Amino acid sequence: MATSVLLVTGLVVSGLHPYDRVTWVMEVAPVILVLPILWATWQRFPLTNLLYVLIVLHGIVLMIGGAYTYAHVPFGFDLQAWFGLSRNPYDKIGHFCQGFIPAIAAREILIRGGYVDGRRMLAFIVVCIVLAISASYELVEWWAALGLGQGADEFLGTQGDPWDTQSDMFMALIGAIAAQLLLSRWHDRQIALAEQGKSL
C-alpha cells in the first residue's frame, strides 16, 4: 500500500538525525499509531483515495515537526519573516492539519457507517470530534510537561505564548470547518465510489 510505504519512509528519514530524539518520538507517535490501523483495515474497510492522500500529508507535517521540533522548522522561520510574526508559526500549520484531516476521517466513518442523519448534524458532530481530539492532544502535552519538566519545552513548542493551548484548538476548529467547506462534495463522490467498489 503506497500510503504505508510513504509514511514508513518518512518516519525513517525524519528519525535519522532529529533535533531531539524524545521530542521526535512524541511528535511522530500519531503516525506510528495510525499505521497499524491502516494495515488492519485496508482490506475490509478501504478508505477513499482523498483520505489516504490527506493522511500522508498530515504525516509529513508531523514528521517534519518531529525532525526539527515545531519551533525550529526552517519553513516556519520563512513564514515568520514574510509575515513579520513574533514566533515560528509551523506548529499552527500542524494544529490546522489536526483539524482538517481528522475532520475528513470522522466524516468518512460517520457517513459510511450510517451513524448520523442530516448534513447539518454531520457537520456539527465532525467539529465536535475534532475539538475532542484537539483537547485530548493538549491534555497529552500537559501530562508531558508534568512528566518531563523542562525537557518538554521542545514538545510543547509554546515559544512563550501563554495562549498557545487555546490558539492550537482554535486552529484545529478552523481546519475542521475549512475541510468540510472545501472538500465535502469531492469527498461525497469519493465515498460513493468506495461504497460502489465494496458492493461489487
N, C-alpha and C. Protein backbone atom coordinates (compact mmCIF):
# COMPACT_ATOMS: atom_id res chain seq x y z
N MET A 1 0.85 -1.19 0.00
CA MET A 1 0.00 0.00 0.00
C MET A 1 0.89 1.25 0.00
N ALA A 2 0.65 2.11 -0.96
CA ALA A 2 1.50 3.29 -1.15
C ALA A 2 1.53 4.19 0.08
N THR A 3 0.37 4.33 0.73
CA THR A 3 0.29 5.19 1.92
C THR A 3 1.28 4.72 2.99
N SER A 4 1.29 3.41 3.23
CA SER A 4 2.19 2.85 4.25
C SER A 4 3.64 3.06 3.89
N VAL A 5 3.97 2.82 2.62
CA VAL A 5 5.36 2.98 2.17
C VAL A 5 5.82 4.41 2.38
N LEU A 6 4.99 5.36 2.01
CA LEU A 6 5.35 6.77 2.16
C LEU A 6 5.53 7.15 3.63
N LEU A 7 4.61 6.68 4.47
CA LEU A 7 4.69 7.03 5.89
C LEU A 7 5.90 6.38 6.56
N VAL A 8 6.15 5.11 6.25
CA VAL A 8 7.30 4.42 6.84
C VAL A 8 8.60 5.08 6.38
N THR A 9 8.67 5.39 5.08
CA THR A 9 9.86 6.07 4.56
C THR A 9 10.07 7.42 5.25
N GLY A 10 8.98 8.16 5.41
CA GLY A 10 9.07 9.45 6.10
C GLY A 10 9.53 9.31 7.53
N LEU A 11 9.04 8.28 8.23
CA LEU A 11 9.47 8.04 9.60
C LEU A 11 10.97 7.78 9.67
N VAL A 12 11.44 6.95 8.76
CA VAL A 12 12.87 6.62 8.75
C VAL A 12 13.71 7.87 8.50
N VAL A 13 13.35 8.63 7.47
CA VAL A 13 14.12 9.82 7.11
C VAL A 13 14.08 10.86 8.24
N SER A 14 12.89 11.11 8.78
CA SER A 14 12.78 12.13 9.83
C SER A 14 13.47 11.69 11.12
N GLY A 15 13.60 10.39 11.31
CA GLY A 15 14.20 9.90 12.54
C GLY A 15 15.69 9.68 12.48
N LEU A 16 16.31 9.95 11.34
CA LEU A 16 17.76 9.73 11.21
C LEU A 16 18.56 10.62 12.15
N HIS A 17 18.32 11.92 12.09
CA HIS A 17 19.07 12.87 12.93
C HIS A 17 18.13 13.96 13.44
N PRO A 18 17.15 13.60 14.28
CA PRO A 18 16.22 14.62 14.76
C PRO A 18 16.89 15.60 15.72
N TYR A 19 16.31 16.75 15.86
CA TYR A 19 16.81 17.78 16.77
C TYR A 19 16.88 17.25 18.20
N ASP A 20 15.83 16.51 18.57
CA ASP A 20 15.75 15.92 19.91
C ASP A 20 14.99 14.60 19.80
N ARG A 21 15.61 13.49 20.19
CA ARG A 21 15.03 12.16 19.97
C ARG A 21 13.71 11.97 20.72
N VAL A 22 13.62 12.40 21.96
CA VAL A 22 12.38 12.23 22.75
C VAL A 22 11.25 13.03 22.11
N THR A 23 11.55 14.25 21.70
CA THR A 23 10.54 15.08 21.04
C THR A 23 10.09 14.43 19.74
N TRP A 24 11.03 13.89 18.98
CA TRP A 24 10.69 13.21 17.72
C TRP A 24 9.70 12.09 17.98
N VAL A 25 9.96 11.26 18.97
CA VAL A 25 9.08 10.13 19.28
C VAL A 25 7.67 10.63 19.62
N MET A 26 7.60 11.67 20.43
CA MET A 26 6.28 12.19 20.84
C MET A 26 5.55 12.82 19.66
N GLU A 27 6.28 13.52 18.79
CA GLU A 27 5.63 14.20 17.67
C GLU A 27 5.16 13.23 16.59
N VAL A 28 5.91 12.15 16.36
CA VAL A 28 5.52 11.21 15.29
C VAL A 28 4.65 10.07 15.82
N ALA A 29 4.38 10.06 17.12
CA ALA A 29 3.55 9.00 17.72
C ALA A 29 2.22 8.80 16.99
N PRO A 30 1.52 9.88 16.57
CA PRO A 30 0.27 9.66 15.84
C PRO A 30 0.46 8.85 14.55
N VAL A 31 1.57 9.07 13.86
CA VAL A 31 1.86 8.31 12.64
C VAL A 31 2.08 6.84 12.98
N ILE A 32 2.85 6.61 14.03
CA ILE A 32 3.14 5.24 14.46
C ILE A 32 1.87 4.52 14.89
N LEU A 33 0.94 5.25 15.51
CA LEU A 33 -0.33 4.65 15.94
C LEU A 33 -1.28 4.39 14.77
N VAL A 34 -1.26 5.26 13.78
CA VAL A 34 -2.18 5.13 12.64
C VAL A 34 -1.78 4.00 11.70
N LEU A 35 -0.49 3.78 11.54
CA LEU A 35 -0.03 2.76 10.59
C LEU A 35 -0.64 1.38 10.83
N PRO A 36 -0.61 0.83 12.05
CA PRO A 36 -1.23 -0.49 12.26
C PRO A 36 -2.74 -0.49 11.99
N ILE A 37 -3.39 0.64 12.26
CA ILE A 37 -4.83 0.73 11.99
C ILE A 37 -5.08 0.67 10.48
N LEU A 38 -4.26 1.38 9.71
CA LEU A 38 -4.40 1.34 8.25
C LEU A 38 -4.15 -0.08 7.73
N TRP A 39 -3.13 -0.75 8.27
CA TRP A 39 -2.82 -2.12 7.85
C TRP A 39 -3.97 -3.08 8.19
N ALA A 40 -4.57 -2.89 9.37
CA ALA A 40 -5.62 -3.81 9.82
C ALA A 40 -6.93 -3.62 9.09
N THR A 41 -7.15 -2.43 8.53
CA THR A 41 -8.47 -2.14 7.94
C THR A 41 -8.48 -1.98 6.43
N TRP A 42 -7.32 -1.99 5.78
CA TRP A 42 -7.30 -1.60 4.37
C TRP A 42 -8.05 -2.57 3.47
N GLN A 43 -8.23 -3.83 3.87
CA GLN A 43 -8.97 -4.77 3.03
C GLN A 43 -10.47 -4.73 3.32
N ARG A 44 -10.84 -4.74 4.60
CA ARG A 44 -12.27 -4.79 4.92
C ARG A 44 -12.93 -3.42 4.95
N PHE A 45 -12.13 -2.36 5.13
CA PHE A 45 -12.69 -1.01 5.14
C PHE A 45 -11.71 -0.05 4.49
N PRO A 46 -11.47 -0.21 3.17
CA PRO A 46 -10.53 0.70 2.50
C PRO A 46 -11.09 2.13 2.50
N LEU A 47 -10.23 3.06 2.79
CA LEU A 47 -10.63 4.46 2.82
C LEU A 47 -10.64 5.04 1.42
N THR A 48 -11.19 6.22 1.29
CA THR A 48 -11.19 6.90 -0.01
C THR A 48 -9.77 7.35 -0.33
N ASN A 49 -9.49 7.49 -1.61
CA ASN A 49 -8.17 7.97 -2.03
C ASN A 49 -7.88 9.35 -1.45
N LEU A 50 -8.90 10.18 -1.39
CA LEU A 50 -8.74 11.52 -0.82
C LEU A 50 -8.23 11.43 0.61
N LEU A 51 -8.83 10.57 1.41
CA LEU A 51 -8.42 10.46 2.81
C LEU A 51 -7.02 9.89 2.93
N TYR A 52 -6.68 8.91 2.10
CA TYR A 52 -5.31 8.37 2.15
C TYR A 52 -4.29 9.46 1.84
N VAL A 53 -4.56 10.29 0.84
CA VAL A 53 -3.64 11.38 0.49
C VAL A 53 -3.51 12.36 1.66
N LEU A 54 -4.63 12.70 2.27
CA LEU A 54 -4.61 13.64 3.40
C LEU A 54 -3.84 13.06 4.58
N ILE A 55 -3.99 11.76 4.83
CA ILE A 55 -3.25 11.11 5.92
C ILE A 55 -1.75 11.22 5.68
N VAL A 56 -1.32 10.99 4.44
CA VAL A 56 0.11 11.11 4.12
C VAL A 56 0.58 12.54 4.32
N LEU A 57 -0.20 13.52 3.86
CA LEU A 57 0.19 14.93 4.02
C LEU A 57 0.29 15.31 5.50
N HIS A 58 -0.68 14.83 6.29
CA HIS A 58 -0.64 15.12 7.72
C HIS A 58 0.58 14.46 8.35
N GLY A 59 0.87 13.23 7.93
CA GLY A 59 2.06 12.54 8.43
C GLY A 59 3.34 13.31 8.13
N ILE A 60 3.41 13.87 6.93
CA ILE A 60 4.59 14.65 6.55
C ILE A 60 4.75 15.87 7.45
N VAL A 61 3.65 16.56 7.71
CA VAL A 61 3.69 17.72 8.61
C VAL A 61 4.19 17.31 9.99
N LEU A 62 3.67 16.19 10.50
CA LEU A 62 4.08 15.71 11.83
C LEU A 62 5.55 15.30 11.85
N MET A 63 5.99 14.62 10.78
CA MET A 63 7.37 14.13 10.76
C MET A 63 8.38 15.27 10.60
N ILE A 64 8.02 16.29 9.84
CA ILE A 64 8.89 17.47 9.76
C ILE A 64 8.97 18.15 11.12
N GLY A 65 7.81 18.30 11.77
CA GLY A 65 7.80 18.89 13.11
C GLY A 65 8.60 18.06 14.11
N GLY A 66 8.54 16.73 13.95
CA GLY A 66 9.31 15.87 14.84
C GLY A 66 10.81 15.96 14.59
N ALA A 67 11.20 16.05 13.34
CA ALA A 67 12.62 16.10 12.99
C ALA A 67 13.28 17.38 13.49
N TYR A 68 12.60 18.51 13.30
CA TYR A 68 13.19 19.81 13.66
C TYR A 68 12.73 20.33 15.02
N THR A 69 11.63 19.84 15.53
CA THR A 69 10.74 20.40 16.55
C THR A 69 10.00 21.57 15.89
N TYR A 70 8.76 21.76 16.30
CA TYR A 70 7.92 22.75 15.63
C TYR A 70 8.49 24.16 15.70
N ALA A 71 9.17 24.47 16.78
CA ALA A 71 9.70 25.83 16.94
C ALA A 71 10.92 26.09 16.07
N HIS A 72 11.49 25.04 15.44
CA HIS A 72 12.72 25.21 14.67
C HIS A 72 12.60 24.79 13.21
N VAL A 73 11.39 24.56 12.72
CA VAL A 73 11.22 24.17 11.31
C VAL A 73 11.61 25.36 10.42
N PRO A 74 12.54 25.15 9.47
CA PRO A 74 13.01 26.26 8.62
C PRO A 74 11.89 26.98 7.88
N PHE A 75 10.93 26.24 7.33
CA PHE A 75 9.83 26.88 6.62
C PHE A 75 9.04 27.81 7.55
N GLY A 76 8.94 27.42 8.80
CA GLY A 76 8.26 28.27 9.77
C GLY A 76 8.98 29.59 9.98
N PHE A 77 10.32 29.55 9.98
CA PHE A 77 11.09 30.80 10.10
C PHE A 77 10.88 31.68 8.87
N ASP A 78 10.76 31.04 7.69
CA ASP A 78 10.46 31.82 6.48
C ASP A 78 9.12 32.52 6.63
N LEU A 79 8.10 31.79 7.08
CA LEU A 79 6.78 32.38 7.29
C LEU A 79 6.84 33.51 8.32
N GLN A 80 7.60 33.29 9.37
CA GLN A 80 7.76 34.31 10.40
C GLN A 80 8.33 35.60 9.82
N ALA A 81 9.33 35.46 8.95
CA ALA A 81 9.94 36.64 8.34
C ALA A 81 9.01 37.31 7.34
N TRP A 82 8.34 36.50 6.50
CA TRP A 82 7.44 37.05 5.47
C TRP A 82 6.30 37.85 6.08
N PHE A 83 5.74 37.34 7.18
CA PHE A 83 4.55 37.98 7.76
C PHE A 83 4.85 38.82 8.99
N GLY A 84 6.14 38.95 9.33
CA GLY A 84 6.51 39.77 10.48
C GLY A 84 5.94 39.26 11.79
N LEU A 85 5.96 37.94 11.98
CA LEU A 85 5.38 37.33 13.18
C LEU A 85 6.41 37.30 14.30
N SER A 86 5.92 37.18 15.52
CA SER A 86 6.81 37.18 16.69
C SER A 86 7.35 35.79 17.01
N ARG A 87 6.81 34.75 16.32
CA ARG A 87 7.23 33.38 16.60
C ARG A 87 7.13 32.52 15.35
N ASN A 88 7.79 31.39 15.36
CA ASN A 88 7.71 30.42 14.27
C ASN A 88 6.30 29.81 14.28
N PRO A 89 5.53 29.98 13.20
CA PRO A 89 4.14 29.54 13.21
C PRO A 89 3.91 28.11 12.71
N TYR A 90 4.99 27.32 12.54
CA TYR A 90 4.81 25.99 11.95
C TYR A 90 3.87 25.12 12.78
N ASP A 91 3.90 25.28 14.11
CA ASP A 91 3.01 24.46 14.93
C ASP A 91 1.54 24.77 14.65
N LYS A 92 1.24 26.00 14.21
CA LYS A 92 -0.15 26.33 13.89
C LYS A 92 -0.58 25.61 12.61
N ILE A 93 0.37 25.40 11.67
CA ILE A 93 0.07 24.57 10.50
C ILE A 93 -0.27 23.16 10.96
N GLY A 94 0.51 22.65 11.92
CA GLY A 94 0.25 21.32 12.46
C GLY A 94 -1.12 21.22 13.10
N HIS A 95 -1.51 22.22 13.85
CA HIS A 95 -2.81 22.17 14.52
C HIS A 95 -3.97 22.41 13.54
N PHE A 96 -3.73 23.19 12.50
CA PHE A 96 -4.73 23.31 11.44
C PHE A 96 -4.97 21.94 10.80
N CYS A 97 -3.88 21.24 10.51
CA CYS A 97 -3.98 19.89 9.95
C CYS A 97 -4.65 18.93 10.92
N GLN A 98 -4.42 19.15 12.22
CA GLN A 98 -5.03 18.32 13.25
C GLN A 98 -6.55 18.46 13.24
N GLY A 99 -7.04 19.55 12.66
CA GLY A 99 -8.48 19.70 12.46
C GLY A 99 -8.92 19.26 11.08
N PHE A 100 -8.13 19.61 10.08
CA PHE A 100 -8.51 19.39 8.68
C PHE A 100 -8.62 17.90 8.34
N ILE A 101 -7.58 17.13 8.64
CA ILE A 101 -7.54 15.73 8.24
C ILE A 101 -8.46 14.87 9.10
N PRO A 102 -8.43 14.98 10.43
CA PRO A 102 -9.39 14.20 11.22
C PRO A 102 -10.85 14.52 10.89
N ALA A 103 -11.13 15.73 10.43
CA ALA A 103 -12.50 16.07 10.04
C ALA A 103 -12.96 15.18 8.88
N ILE A 104 -12.10 14.99 7.90
CA ILE A 104 -12.45 14.15 6.76
C ILE A 104 -12.52 12.69 7.18
N ALA A 105 -11.61 12.27 8.07
CA ALA A 105 -11.64 10.89 8.57
C ALA A 105 -12.93 10.63 9.35
N ALA A 106 -13.29 11.55 10.25
CA ALA A 106 -14.52 11.39 11.02
C ALA A 106 -15.74 11.41 10.11
N ARG A 107 -15.73 12.30 9.15
CA ARG A 107 -16.84 12.41 8.21
C ARG A 107 -17.03 11.10 7.44
N GLU A 108 -15.92 10.52 7.01
CA GLU A 108 -15.99 9.27 6.24
C GLU A 108 -16.56 8.13 7.08
N ILE A 109 -16.09 8.01 8.30
CA ILE A 109 -16.57 6.94 9.17
C ILE A 109 -18.05 7.13 9.49
N LEU A 110 -18.44 8.36 9.79
CA LEU A 110 -19.84 8.64 10.14
C LEU A 110 -20.78 8.38 8.97
N ILE A 111 -20.38 8.80 7.77
CA ILE A 111 -21.24 8.62 6.59
C ILE A 111 -21.31 7.15 6.21
N ARG A 112 -20.17 6.51 6.10
CA ARG A 112 -20.16 5.12 5.63
C ARG A 112 -20.76 4.16 6.66
N GLY A 113 -20.67 4.51 7.92
CA GLY A 113 -21.28 3.68 8.96
C GLY A 113 -22.75 3.98 9.17
N GLY A 114 -23.24 5.05 8.55
CA GLY A 114 -24.65 5.43 8.71
C GLY A 114 -24.98 5.87 10.13
N TYR A 115 -24.02 6.51 10.81
CA TYR A 115 -24.21 6.87 12.20
C TYR A 115 -24.95 8.19 12.43
N VAL A 116 -25.00 9.03 11.39
CA VAL A 116 -25.61 10.35 11.55
C VAL A 116 -26.54 10.63 10.38
N ASP A 117 -27.71 11.17 10.69
CA ASP A 117 -28.65 11.59 9.65
C ASP A 117 -28.62 13.11 9.54
N GLY A 118 -28.60 13.62 8.33
CA GLY A 118 -28.67 15.07 8.12
C GLY A 118 -27.31 15.71 8.00
N ARG A 119 -27.17 16.58 7.01
CA ARG A 119 -25.88 17.22 6.73
C ARG A 119 -25.45 18.17 7.84
N ARG A 120 -26.38 18.89 8.40
CA ARG A 120 -26.01 19.85 9.45
C ARG A 120 -25.53 19.12 10.70
N MET A 121 -26.25 18.07 11.07
CA MET A 121 -25.83 17.30 12.24
C MET A 121 -24.47 16.64 11.99
N LEU A 122 -24.27 16.16 10.76
CA LEU A 122 -22.98 15.56 10.40
C LEU A 122 -21.85 16.58 10.60
N ALA A 123 -22.05 17.78 10.07
CA ALA A 123 -21.01 18.82 10.18
C ALA A 123 -20.75 19.16 11.65
N PHE A 124 -21.80 19.24 12.43
CA PHE A 124 -21.66 19.56 13.86
C PHE A 124 -20.90 18.47 14.60
N ILE A 125 -21.27 17.22 14.37
CA ILE A 125 -20.61 16.10 15.05
C ILE A 125 -19.13 16.02 14.64
N VAL A 126 -18.85 16.26 13.37
CA VAL A 126 -17.46 16.24 12.90
C VAL A 126 -16.64 17.28 13.65
N VAL A 127 -17.17 18.49 13.78
CA VAL A 127 -16.46 19.55 14.51
C VAL A 127 -16.27 19.14 15.97
N CYS A 128 -17.29 18.55 16.58
CA CYS A 128 -17.17 18.11 17.98
C CYS A 128 -16.08 17.05 18.14
N ILE A 129 -16.01 16.11 17.20
CA ILE A 129 -14.97 15.07 17.25
C ILE A 129 -13.59 15.70 17.13
N VAL A 130 -13.44 16.62 16.19
CA VAL A 130 -12.15 17.28 16.01
C VAL A 130 -11.74 18.04 17.26
N LEU A 131 -12.66 18.76 17.86
CA LEU A 131 -12.33 19.51 19.07
C LEU A 131 -11.99 18.57 20.23
N ALA A 132 -12.65 17.41 20.29
CA ALA A 132 -12.32 16.42 21.32
C ALA A 132 -10.90 15.89 21.11
N ILE A 133 -10.54 15.62 19.85
CA ILE A 133 -9.18 15.16 19.54
C ILE A 133 -8.16 16.24 19.91
N SER A 134 -8.46 17.48 19.54
CA SER A 134 -7.54 18.58 19.82
C SER A 134 -7.36 18.78 21.32
N ALA A 135 -8.46 18.76 22.07
CA ALA A 135 -8.38 18.92 23.53
C ALA A 135 -7.61 17.77 24.15
N SER A 136 -7.82 16.54 23.65
CA SER A 136 -7.09 15.38 24.17
C SER A 136 -5.59 15.54 23.94
N TYR A 137 -5.22 16.06 22.77
CA TYR A 137 -3.81 16.27 22.47
C TYR A 137 -3.21 17.31 23.41
N GLU A 138 -3.98 18.35 23.71
CA GLU A 138 -3.48 19.37 24.64
C GLU A 138 -3.31 18.79 26.04
N LEU A 139 -4.17 17.84 26.43
CA LEU A 139 -4.00 17.16 27.72
C LEU A 139 -2.73 16.33 27.72
N VAL A 140 -2.43 15.66 26.60
CA VAL A 140 -1.19 14.89 26.47
C VAL A 140 0.01 15.82 26.63
N GLU A 141 -0.06 17.00 26.01
CA GLU A 141 1.03 17.97 26.15
C GLU A 141 1.20 18.39 27.61
N TRP A 142 0.09 18.58 28.28
CA TRP A 142 0.13 18.97 29.70
C TRP A 142 0.79 17.87 30.53
N TRP A 143 0.38 16.60 30.30
CA TRP A 143 0.97 15.47 31.03
C TRP A 143 2.46 15.35 30.72
N ALA A 144 2.82 15.60 29.46
CA ALA A 144 4.25 15.56 29.09
C ALA A 144 5.02 16.63 29.85
N ALA A 145 4.41 17.81 29.97
CA ALA A 145 5.07 18.91 30.70
C ALA A 145 5.26 18.53 32.16
N LEU A 146 4.26 17.89 32.75
CA LEU A 146 4.37 17.48 34.15
C LEU A 146 5.41 16.37 34.32
N GLY A 147 5.40 15.43 33.37
CA GLY A 147 6.30 14.28 33.47
C GLY A 147 7.74 14.59 33.13
N LEU A 148 7.95 15.42 32.11
CA LEU A 148 9.30 15.69 31.64
C LEU A 148 9.89 16.99 32.18
N GLY A 149 9.04 17.82 32.77
CA GLY A 149 9.52 19.10 33.29
C GLY A 149 10.07 19.97 32.18
N GLN A 150 11.26 20.50 32.37
CA GLN A 150 11.88 21.39 31.40
C GLN A 150 12.13 20.68 30.07
N GLY A 151 12.27 19.35 30.10
CA GLY A 151 12.53 18.59 28.88
C GLY A 151 11.37 18.58 27.91
N ALA A 152 10.21 19.03 28.36
CA ALA A 152 9.03 19.02 27.49
C ALA A 152 8.91 20.28 26.64
N ASP A 153 9.81 21.24 26.84
CA ASP A 153 9.68 22.53 26.15
C ASP A 153 9.62 22.38 24.63
N GLU A 154 10.48 21.53 24.07
CA GLU A 154 10.50 21.38 22.61
C GLU A 154 9.23 20.72 22.11
N PHE A 155 8.67 19.78 22.89
CA PHE A 155 7.43 19.12 22.51
C PHE A 155 6.26 20.09 22.58
N LEU A 156 6.23 20.89 23.62
CA LEU A 156 5.13 21.85 23.79
C LEU A 156 5.18 22.94 22.72
N GLY A 157 6.34 23.44 22.43
CA GLY A 157 6.51 24.44 21.39
C GLY A 157 5.73 25.71 21.61
N THR A 158 5.51 26.10 22.87
CA THR A 158 4.70 27.29 23.14
C THR A 158 5.41 28.59 22.77
N GLN A 159 6.74 28.56 22.76
CA GLN A 159 7.55 29.73 22.41
C GLN A 159 7.15 30.97 23.21
N GLY A 160 6.80 30.74 24.49
CA GLY A 160 6.47 31.84 25.37
C GLY A 160 5.06 32.38 25.24
N ASP A 161 4.22 31.74 24.44
CA ASP A 161 2.85 32.22 24.23
C ASP A 161 1.92 31.65 25.30
N PRO A 162 1.38 32.50 26.20
CA PRO A 162 0.51 31.99 27.26
C PRO A 162 -0.83 31.46 26.74
N TRP A 163 -1.19 31.83 25.52
CA TRP A 163 -2.46 31.39 24.93
C TRP A 163 -2.26 30.31 23.88
N ASP A 164 -1.13 29.62 23.93
CA ASP A 164 -0.81 28.62 22.92
C ASP A 164 -1.86 27.50 22.85
N THR A 165 -2.29 27.01 24.01
CA THR A 165 -3.27 25.92 24.04
C THR A 165 -4.57 26.34 23.36
N GLN A 166 -5.05 27.52 23.70
CA GLN A 166 -6.31 27.99 23.12
C GLN A 166 -6.18 28.23 21.61
N SER A 167 -5.06 28.81 21.19
CA SER A 167 -4.90 29.08 19.75
C SER A 167 -4.70 27.78 18.98
N ASP A 168 -4.08 26.77 19.61
CA ASP A 168 -3.94 25.47 18.97
C ASP A 168 -5.32 24.86 18.67
N MET A 169 -6.19 24.90 19.68
CA MET A 169 -7.53 24.33 19.49
C MET A 169 -8.34 25.15 18.49
N PHE A 170 -8.13 26.47 18.49
CA PHE A 170 -8.82 27.32 17.52
C PHE A 170 -8.38 26.99 16.10
N MET A 171 -7.09 26.72 15.91
CA MET A 171 -6.60 26.34 14.57
C MET A 171 -7.21 25.02 14.13
N ALA A 172 -7.36 24.08 15.06
CA ALA A 172 -8.00 22.80 14.73
C ALA A 172 -9.46 23.02 14.34
N LEU A 173 -10.14 23.92 15.04
CA LEU A 173 -11.52 24.26 14.70
C LEU A 173 -11.61 24.84 13.30
N ILE A 174 -10.72 25.78 12.97
CA ILE A 174 -10.70 26.37 11.63
C ILE A 174 -10.43 25.28 10.60
N GLY A 175 -9.51 24.37 10.90
CA GLY A 175 -9.20 23.28 9.98
C GLY A 175 -10.40 22.39 9.72
N ALA A 176 -11.15 22.06 10.77
CA ALA A 176 -12.33 21.20 10.62
C ALA A 176 -13.40 21.86 9.77
N ILE A 177 -13.62 23.14 10.00
CA ILE A 177 -14.63 23.86 9.22
C ILE A 177 -14.18 23.99 7.77
N ALA A 178 -12.90 24.36 7.57
CA ALA A 178 -12.37 24.52 6.21
C ALA A 178 -12.45 23.21 5.43
N ALA A 179 -12.12 22.10 6.06
CA ALA A 179 -12.16 20.80 5.37
C ALA A 179 -13.55 20.50 4.87
N GLN A 180 -14.54 20.76 5.69
CA GLN A 180 -15.92 20.45 5.29
C GLN A 180 -16.43 21.41 4.21
N LEU A 181 -16.06 22.67 4.32
CA LEU A 181 -16.48 23.63 3.31
C LEU A 181 -15.82 23.37 1.96
N LEU A 182 -14.55 23.00 1.98
CA LEU A 182 -13.79 22.86 0.74
C LEU A 182 -13.90 21.49 0.09
N LEU A 183 -14.06 20.44 0.90
CA LEU A 183 -13.91 19.09 0.36
C LEU A 183 -15.16 18.20 0.42
N SER A 184 -16.25 18.69 1.01
CA SER A 184 -17.42 17.82 1.22
C SER A 184 -17.94 17.20 -0.07
N ARG A 185 -18.11 17.99 -1.11
CA ARG A 185 -18.66 17.45 -2.36
C ARG A 185 -17.72 16.43 -2.99
N TRP A 186 -16.44 16.76 -3.03
CA TRP A 186 -15.44 15.84 -3.57
C TRP A 186 -15.41 14.56 -2.73
N HIS A 187 -15.45 14.73 -1.42
CA HIS A 187 -15.44 13.59 -0.51
C HIS A 187 -16.67 12.71 -0.71
N ASP A 188 -17.83 13.34 -0.90
CA ASP A 188 -19.06 12.57 -1.14
C ASP A 188 -18.93 11.69 -2.38
N ARG A 189 -18.34 12.23 -3.44
CA ARG A 189 -18.15 11.45 -4.67
C ARG A 189 -17.18 10.29 -4.42
N GLN A 190 -16.13 10.55 -3.65
CA GLN A 190 -15.16 9.50 -3.33
C GLN A 190 -15.81 8.40 -2.48
N ILE A 191 -16.64 8.79 -1.54
CA ILE A 191 -17.33 7.81 -0.70
C ILE A 191 -18.26 6.95 -1.55
N ALA A 192 -18.97 7.59 -2.47
CA ALA A 192 -19.87 6.84 -3.36
C ALA A 192 -19.10 5.80 -4.16
N LEU A 193 -17.93 6.17 -4.66
CA LEU A 193 -17.08 5.23 -5.41
C LEU A 193 -16.59 4.10 -4.51
N ALA A 194 -16.21 4.44 -3.30
CA ALA A 194 -15.72 3.43 -2.35
C ALA A 194 -16.82 2.43 -2.01
N GLU A 195 -18.02 2.95 -1.77
CA GLU A 195 -19.14 2.08 -1.44
C GLU A 195 -19.56 1.22 -2.62
N GLN A 196 -19.47 1.79 -3.80
CA GLN A 196 -19.80 1.04 -5.02
C GLN A 196 -18.80 -0.12 -5.20
N GLY A 197 -17.52 0.17 -4.98
CA GLY A 197 -16.50 -0.88 -5.10
C GLY A 197 -16.69 -1.96 -4.05
N LYS A 198 -17.16 -1.58 -2.87
CA LYS A 198 -17.35 -2.54 -1.79
C LYS A 198 -18.51 -3.50 -2.09
N SER A 199 -19.51 -2.98 -2.84
CA SER A 199 -20.70 -3.80 -3.12
C SER A 199 -20.53 -4.69 -4.35
N LEU A 200 -19.46 -4.48 -5.14
CA LEU A 200 -19.27 -5.28 -6.36
C LEU A 200 -18.83 -6.69 -6.03
